[in-house]
Amino acid sequence: MEATRNATGATTEEALSNVRQVRLDTYFGTDGLKAKFDGMKQAIKGQYGPSSPQYIQIKGIKW
């Protein structure tokens, strides 16, 4: 009975680890949300300028 619980716990931990890795890749991967946001931030800075109200609204947002 104890061996079954240990095996179940290890399987659950492995599944959670895999899900966490997918989540981290979604946010911080090369095509993740952070990369997209940083690109949009740079595009707004380039299009409107660093002193524009549009850029000032988003420049303080940190990850």
PDB file of N, CA and C in Angstrom:
ATOM      1  N   MET A   1       0.815  -1.182   0.000  1.00  0.00           N
ATOM      2  CA  MET A   1       0.000   0.000   0.000  1.00  0.00           C
ATOM      3  C   MET A   1       0.870   1.263   0.000  1.00  0.00           C
ATOM      4  N   GLU A   2       1.896   1.301   0.841  1.00  0.00           N
ATOM      5  CA  GLU A   2       2.793   2.467   0.902  1.00  0.00           C
ATOM      6  C   GLU A   2       3.541   2.675  -0.410  1.00  0.00           C
ATOM      7  N   ALA A   3       3.954   1.581  -1.067  1.00  0.00           N
ATOM      8  CA  ALA A   3       4.650   1.698  -2.343  1.00  0.00           C
ATOM      9  C   ALA A   3       3.747   2.325  -3.400  1.00  0.00           C
ATOM     10  N   THR A   4       2.462   1.986  -3.346  1.00  0.00           N
ATOM     11  CA  THR A   4       1.514   2.547  -4.294  1.00  0.00           C
ATOM     12  C   THR A   4       1.375   4.056  -4.089  1.00  0.00           C
ATOM     13  N   ARG A   5       1.324   4.488  -2.849  1.00  0.00           N
ATOM     14  CA  ARG A   5       1.222   5.916  -2.554  1.00  0.00           C
ATOM     15  C   ARG A   5       2.470   6.665  -3.005  1.00  0.00           C
ATOM     16  N   ASN A   6       3.631   6.065  -2.790  1.00  0.00           N
ATOM     17  CA  ASN A   6       4.877   6.688  -3.226  1.00  0.00           C
ATOM     18  C   ASN A   6       4.918   6.812  -4.746  1.00  0.00           C
ATOM     19  N   ALA A   7       4.496   5.781  -5.432  1.00  0.00           N
ATOM     20  CA  ALA A   7       4.480   5.812  -6.893  1.00  0.00           C
ATOM     21  C   ALA A   7       3.484   6.856  -7.394  1.00  0.00           C
ATOM     22  N   THR A   8       2.339   6.934  -6.751  1.00  0.00           N
ATOM     23  CA  THR A   8       1.325   7.922  -7.129  1.00  0.00           C
ATOM     24  C   THR A   8       1.849   9.332  -6.882  1.00  0.00           C
ATOM     25  N   GLY A   9       2.514   9.524  -5.766  1.00  0.00           N
ATOM     26  CA  GLY A   9       3.083  10.831  -5.452  1.00  0.00           C
ATOM     27  C   GLY A   9       4.150  11.239  -6.447  1.00  0.00           C
ATOM     28  N   ALA A  10       5.002  10.307  -6.835  1.00  0.00           N
ATOM     29  CA  ALA A  10       6.051  10.599  -7.809  1.00  0.00           C
ATOM     30  C   ALA A  10       5.445  10.927  -9.170  1.00  0.00           C
ATOM     31  N   THR A  11       4.418  10.191  -9.562  1.00  0.00           N
ATOM     32  CA  THR A  11       3.753  10.445 -10.840  1.00  0.00           C
ATOM     33  C   THR A  11       3.086  11.810 -10.843  1.00  0.00           C
ATOM     34  N   THR A  12       2.440  12.149  -9.738  1.00  0.00           N
ATOM     35  CA  THR A  12       1.775  13.444  -9.616  1.00  0.00           C
ATOM     36  C   THR A  12       2.796  14.574  -9.656  1.00  0.00           C
ATOM     37  N   GLU A  13       3.906  14.400  -8.964  1.00  0.00           N
ATOM     38  CA  GLU A  13       4.943  15.429  -8.953  1.00  0.00           C
ATOM     39  C   GLU A  13       5.537  15.627 -10.345  1.00  0.00           C
ATOM     40  N   GLU A  14       5.732  14.549 -11.069  1.00  0.00           N
ATOM     41  CA  GLU A  14       6.256  14.648 -12.431  1.00  0.00           C
ATOM     42  C   GLU A  14       5.263  15.372 -13.343  1.00  0.00           C
ATOM     43  N   ALA A  15       3.981  15.068 -13.208  1.00  0.00           N
ATOM     44  CA  ALA A  15       2.956  15.724 -14.014  1.00  0.00           C
ATOM     45  C   ALA A  15       2.916  17.222 -13.707  1.00  0.00           C
ATOM     46  N   LEU A  16       2.996  17.580 -12.433  1.00  0.00           N
ATOM     47  CA  LEU A  16       3.009  18.996 -12.056  1.00  0.00           C
ATOM     48  C   LEU A  16       4.244  19.710 -12.586  1.00  0.00           C
ATOM     49  N   SER A  17       5.361  19.031 -12.545  1.00  0.00           N
ATOM     50  CA  SER A  17       6.591  19.614 -13.062  1.00  0.00           C
ATOM     51  C   SER A  17       6.466  19.900 -14.558  1.00  0.00           C
ATOM     52  N   ASN A  18       5.868  18.977 -15.290  1.00  0.00           N
ATOM     53  CA  ASN A  18       5.669  19.173 -16.726  1.00  0.00           C
ATOM     54  C   ASN A  18       4.743  20.351 -17.002  1.00  0.00           C
ATOM     55  N   VAL A  19       3.681  20.461 -16.224  1.00  0.00           N
ATOM     56  CA  VAL A  19       2.738  21.563 -16.404  1.00  0.00           C
ATOM     57  C   VAL A  19       3.404  22.891 -16.066  1.00  0.00           C
ATOM     58  N   ARG A  20       4.217  22.911 -15.030  1.00  0.00           N
ATOM     59  CA  ARG A  20       4.932  24.144 -14.670  1.00  0.00           C
ATOM     60  C   ARG A  20       5.867  24.574 -15.795  1.00  0.00           C
ATOM     61  N   GLN A  21       6.545  23.610 -16.408  1.00  0.00           N
ATOM     62  CA  GLN A  21       7.469  23.931 -17.496  1.00  0.00           C
ATOM     63  C   GLN A  21       6.721  24.512 -18.692  1.00  0.00           C
ATOM     64  N   VAL A  22       5.565  23.963 -18.994  1.00  0.00           N
ATOM     65  CA  VAL A  22       4.747  24.506 -20.091  1.00  0.00           C
ATOM     66  C   VAL A  22       4.335  25.939 -19.772  1.00  0.00           C
ATOM     67  N   ARG A  23       3.939  26.179 -18.531  1.00  0.00           N
ATOM     68  CA  ARG A  23       3.542  27.530 -18.116  1.00  0.00           C
ATOM     69  C   ARG A  23       4.715  28.499 -18.228  1.00  0.00           C
ATOM     70  N   LEU A  24       5.882  28.099 -17.771  1.00  0.00           N
ATOM     71  CA  LEU A  24       7.057  28.966 -17.864  1.00  0.00           C
ATOM     72  C   LEU A  24       7.412  29.262 -19.312  1.00  0.00           C
ATOM     73  N   ASP A  25       7.317  28.252 -20.179  1.00  0.00           N
ATOM     74  CA  ASP A  25       7.591  28.462 -21.602  1.00  0.00           C
ATOM     75  C   ASP A  25       6.575  29.420 -22.221  1.00  0.00           C
ATOM     76  N   THR A  26       5.329  29.333 -21.773  1.00  0.00           N
ATOM     77  CA  THR A  26       4.292  30.229 -22.290  1.00  0.00           C
ATOM     78  C   THR A  26       4.611  31.675 -21.947  1.00  0.00           C
ATOM     79  N   TYR A  27       5.119  31.915 -20.777  1.00  0.00           N
ATOM     80  CA  TYR A  27       5.429  33.277 -20.367  1.00  0.00           C
ATOM     81  C   TYR A  27       6.814  33.742 -20.795  1.00  0.00           C
ATOM     82  N   PHE A  28       7.814  32.885 -20.647  1.00  0.00           N
ATOM     83  CA  PHE A  28       9.191  33.334 -20.808  1.00  0.00           C
ATOM     84  C   PHE A  28       9.945  32.678 -21.951  1.00  0.00           C
ATOM     85  N   GLY A  29       9.298  31.846 -22.759  1.00  0.00           N
ATOM     86  CA  GLY A  29       9.953  31.204 -23.897  1.00  0.00           C
ATOM     87  C   GLY A  29      10.280  32.216 -24.984  1.00  0.00           C
ATOM     88  N   THR A  30      10.953  31.768 -26.043  1.00  0.00           N
ATOM     89  CA  THR A  30      11.350  32.685 -27.115  1.00  0.00           C
ATOM     90  C   THR A  30      10.141  33.310 -27.807  1.00  0.00           C
ATOM     91  N   ASP A  31       9.033  32.620 -27.871  1.00  0.00           N
ATOM     92  CA  ASP A  31       7.795  33.162 -28.441  1.00  0.00           C
ATOM     93  C   ASP A  31       6.761  33.413 -27.359  1.00  0.00           C
ATOM     94  N   GLY A  32       7.215  33.568 -26.136  1.00  0.00           N
ATOM     95  CA  GLY A  32       6.313  33.711 -25.003  1.00  0.00           C
ATOM     96  C   GLY A  32       5.722  35.106 -24.878  1.00  0.00           C
ATOM     97  N   LEU A  33       4.872  35.246 -23.900  1.00  0.00           N
ATOM     98  CA  LEU A  33       4.186  36.512 -23.682  1.00  0.00           C
ATOM     99  C   LEU A  33       5.147  37.649 -23.347  1.00  0.00           C
ATOM    100  N   LYS A  34       6.190  37.359 -22.595  1.00  0.00           N
ATOM    101  CA  LYS A  34       7.154  38.410 -22.246  1.00  0.00           C
ATOM    102  C   LYS A  34       7.857  38.924 -23.491  1.00  0.00           C
ATOM    103  N   ALA A  35       8.272  38.043 -24.375  1.00  0.00           N
ATOM    104  CA  ALA A  35       8.937  38.458 -25.611  1.00  0.00           C
ATOM    105  C   ALA A  35       7.996  39.289 -26.476  1.00  0.00           C
ATOM    106  N   LYS A  36       6.748  38.882 -26.562  1.00  0.00           N
ATOM    107  CA  LYS A  36       5.776  39.642 -27.350  1.00  0.00           C
ATOM    108  C   LYS A  36       5.532  41.009 -26.740  1.00  0.00           C
ATOM    109  N   PHE A  37       5.384  41.059 -25.425  1.00  0.00           N
ATOM    110  CA  PHE A  37       5.159  42.338 -24.760  1.00  0.00           C
ATOM    111  C   PHE A  37       6.356  43.263 -24.935  1.00  0.00           C
ATOM    112  N   ASP A  38       7.562  42.724 -24.777  1.00  0.00           N
ATOM    113  CA  ASP A  38       8.760  43.546 -24.956  1.00  0.00           C
ATOM    114  C   ASP A  38       8.834  44.081 -26.377  1.00  0.00           C
ATOM    115  N   GLY A  39       8.441  43.267 -27.348  1.00  0.00           N
ATOM    116  CA  GLY A  39       8.425  43.719 -28.737  1.00  0.00           C
ATOM    117  C   GLY A  39       7.415  44.830 -28.966  1.00  0.00           C
ATOM    118  N   MET A  40       6.241  44.681 -28.380  1.00  0.00           N
ATOM    119  CA  MET A  40       5.223  45.728 -28.510  1.00  0.00           C
ATOM    120  C   MET A  40       5.684  47.014 -27.829  1.00  0.00           C
ATOM    121  N   LYS A  41       6.322  46.867 -26.691  1.00  0.00           N
ATOM    122  CA  LYS A  41       6.817  48.031 -25.960  1.00  0.00           C
ATOM    123  C   LYS A  41       7.845  48.791 -26.807  1.00  0.00           C
ATOM    124  N   GLN A  42       8.745  48.058 -27.449  1.00  0.00           N
ATOM    125  CA  GLN A  42       9.749  48.686 -28.309  1.00  0.00           C
ATOM    126  C   GLN A  42       9.112  49.307 -29.552  1.00  0.00           C
ATOM    127  N   ALA A  43       8.086  48.653 -30.095  1.00  0.00           N
ATOM    128  CA  ALA A  43       7.398  49.194 -31.266  1.00  0.00           C
ATOM    129  C   ALA A  43       6.693  50.502 -30.929  1.00  0.00           C
ATOM    130  N   ILE A  44       6.058  50.563 -29.777  1.00  0.00           N
ATOM    131  CA  ILE A  44       5.383  51.792 -29.351  1.00  0.00           C
ATOM    132  C   ILE A  44       6.409  52.896 -29.117  1.00  0.00           C
ATOM    133  N   LYS A  45       7.520  52.544 -28.517  1.00  0.00           N
ATOM    134  CA  LYS A  45       8.586  53.532 -28.284  1.00  0.00           C
ATOM    135  C   LYS A  45       9.118  54.054 -29.612  1.00  0.00           C
ATOM    136  N   GLY A  46       9.302  53.145 -30.581  1.00  0.00           N
ATOM    137  CA  GLY A  46       9.818  53.549 -31.884  1.00  0.00           C
ATOM    138  C   GLY A  46       8.817  54.363 -32.681  1.00  0.00           C
ATOM    139  N   GLN A  47       7.556  54.011 -32.612  1.00  0.00           N
ATOM    140  CA  GLN A  47       6.532  54.688 -33.402  1.00  0.00           C
ATOM    141  C   GLN A  47       6.168  56.056 -32.832  1.00  0.00           C
ATOM    142  N   TYR A  48       6.010  56.127 -31.521  1.00  0.00           N
ATOM    143  CA  TYR A  48       5.535  57.360 -30.906  1.00  0.00           C
ATOM    144  C   TYR A  48       6.630  58.174 -30.226  1.00  0.00           C
ATOM    145  N   GLY A  49       7.752  57.555 -29.922  1.00  0.00           N
ATOM    146  CA  GLY A  49       8.848  58.256 -29.256  1.00  0.00           C
ATOM    147  C   GLY A  49       8.851  58.006 -27.758  1.00  0.00           C
ATOM    148  N   PRO A  50      10.027  58.140 -27.139  1.00  0.00           N
ATOM    149  CA  PRO A  50      10.162  57.826 -25.710  1.00  0.00           C
ATOM    150  C   PRO A  50       9.470  58.814 -24.773  1.00  0.00           C
ATOM    151  N   SER A  51       9.114  59.987 -25.259  1.00  0.00           N
ATOM    152  CA  SER A  51       8.445  60.953 -24.388  1.00  0.00           C
ATOM    153  C   SER A  51       6.952  61.078 -24.688  1.00  0.00           C
ATOM    154  N   SER A  52       6.435  60.183 -25.519  1.00  0.00           N
ATOM    155  CA  SER A  52       5.015  60.240 -25.884  1.00  0.00           C
ATOM    156  C   SER A  52       4.140  59.715 -24.744  1.00  0.00           C
ATOM    157  N   PRO A  53       2.902  60.192 -24.664  1.00  0.00           N
ATOM    158  CA  PRO A  53       1.990  59.690 -23.627  1.00  0.00           C
ATOM    159  C   PRO A  53       1.726  58.183 -23.762  1.00  0.00           C
ATOM    160  N   GLN A  54       1.724  57.683 -24.991  1.00  0.00           N
ATOM    161  CA  GLN A  54       1.487  56.258 -25.204  1.00  0.00           C
ATOM    162  C   GLN A  54       2.603  55.413 -24.587  1.00  0.00           C
ATOM    163  N   TYR A  55       3.841  55.819 -24.803  1.00  0.00           N
ATOM    164  CA  TYR A  55       4.965  55.064 -24.247  1.00  0.00           C
ATOM    165  C   TYR A  55       5.067  55.269 -22.741  1.00  0.00           C
ATOM    166  N   ILE A  56       4.817  56.472 -22.270  1.00  0.00           N
ATOM    167  CA  ILE A  56       4.892  56.748 -20.834  1.00  0.00           C
ATOM    168  C   ILE A  56       3.922  55.875 -20.057  1.00  0.00           C
ATOM    169  N   GLN A  57       2.756  55.586 -20.653  1.00  0.00           N
ATOM    170  CA  GLN A  57       1.766  54.732 -19.974  1.00  0.00           C
ATOM    171  C   GLN A  57       2.269  53.314 -19.755  1.00  0.00           C
ATOM    172  N   ILE A  58       3.101  52.806 -20.662  1.00  0.00           N
ATOM    173  CA  ILE A  58       3.513  51.390 -20.566  1.00  0.00           C
ATOM    174  C   ILE A  58       4.948  51.184 -20.145  1.00  0.00           C
ATOM    175  N   LYS A  59       5.751  52.243 -20.113  1.00  0.00           N
ATOM    176  CA  LYS A  59       7.183  52.026 -19.849  1.00  0.00           C
ATOM    177  C   LYS A  59       7.465  51.506 -18.452  1.00  0.00           C
ATOM    178  N   GLY A  60       6.604  51.765 -17.505  1.00  0.00           N
ATOM    179  CA  GLY A  60       6.824  51.325 -16.131  1.00  0.00           C
ATOM    180  C   GLY A  60       6.384  49.897 -15.841  1.00  0.00           C
ATOM    181  N   ILE A  61       5.754  49.249 -16.818  1.00  0.00           N
ATOM    182  CA  ILE A  61       5.281  47.875 -16.598  1.00  0.00           C
ATOM    183  C   ILE A  61       6.476  46.934 -16.601  1.00  0.00           C
ATOM    184  N   LYS A  62       6.622  46.185 -15.539  1.00  0.00           N
ATOM    185  CA  LYS A  62       7.748  45.248 -15.389  1.00  0.00           C
ATOM    186  C   LYS A  62       7.236  43.819 -15.398  1.00  0.00           C
ATOM    187  N   TRP A  63       8.122  42.897 -15.716  1.00  0.00           N
ATOM    188  CA  TRP A  63       7.806  41.463 -15.650  1.00  0.00           C
ATOM    189  C   TRP A  63       8.479  40.889 -14.460  1.00  0.00           C
TER     190      TRP A  63
END
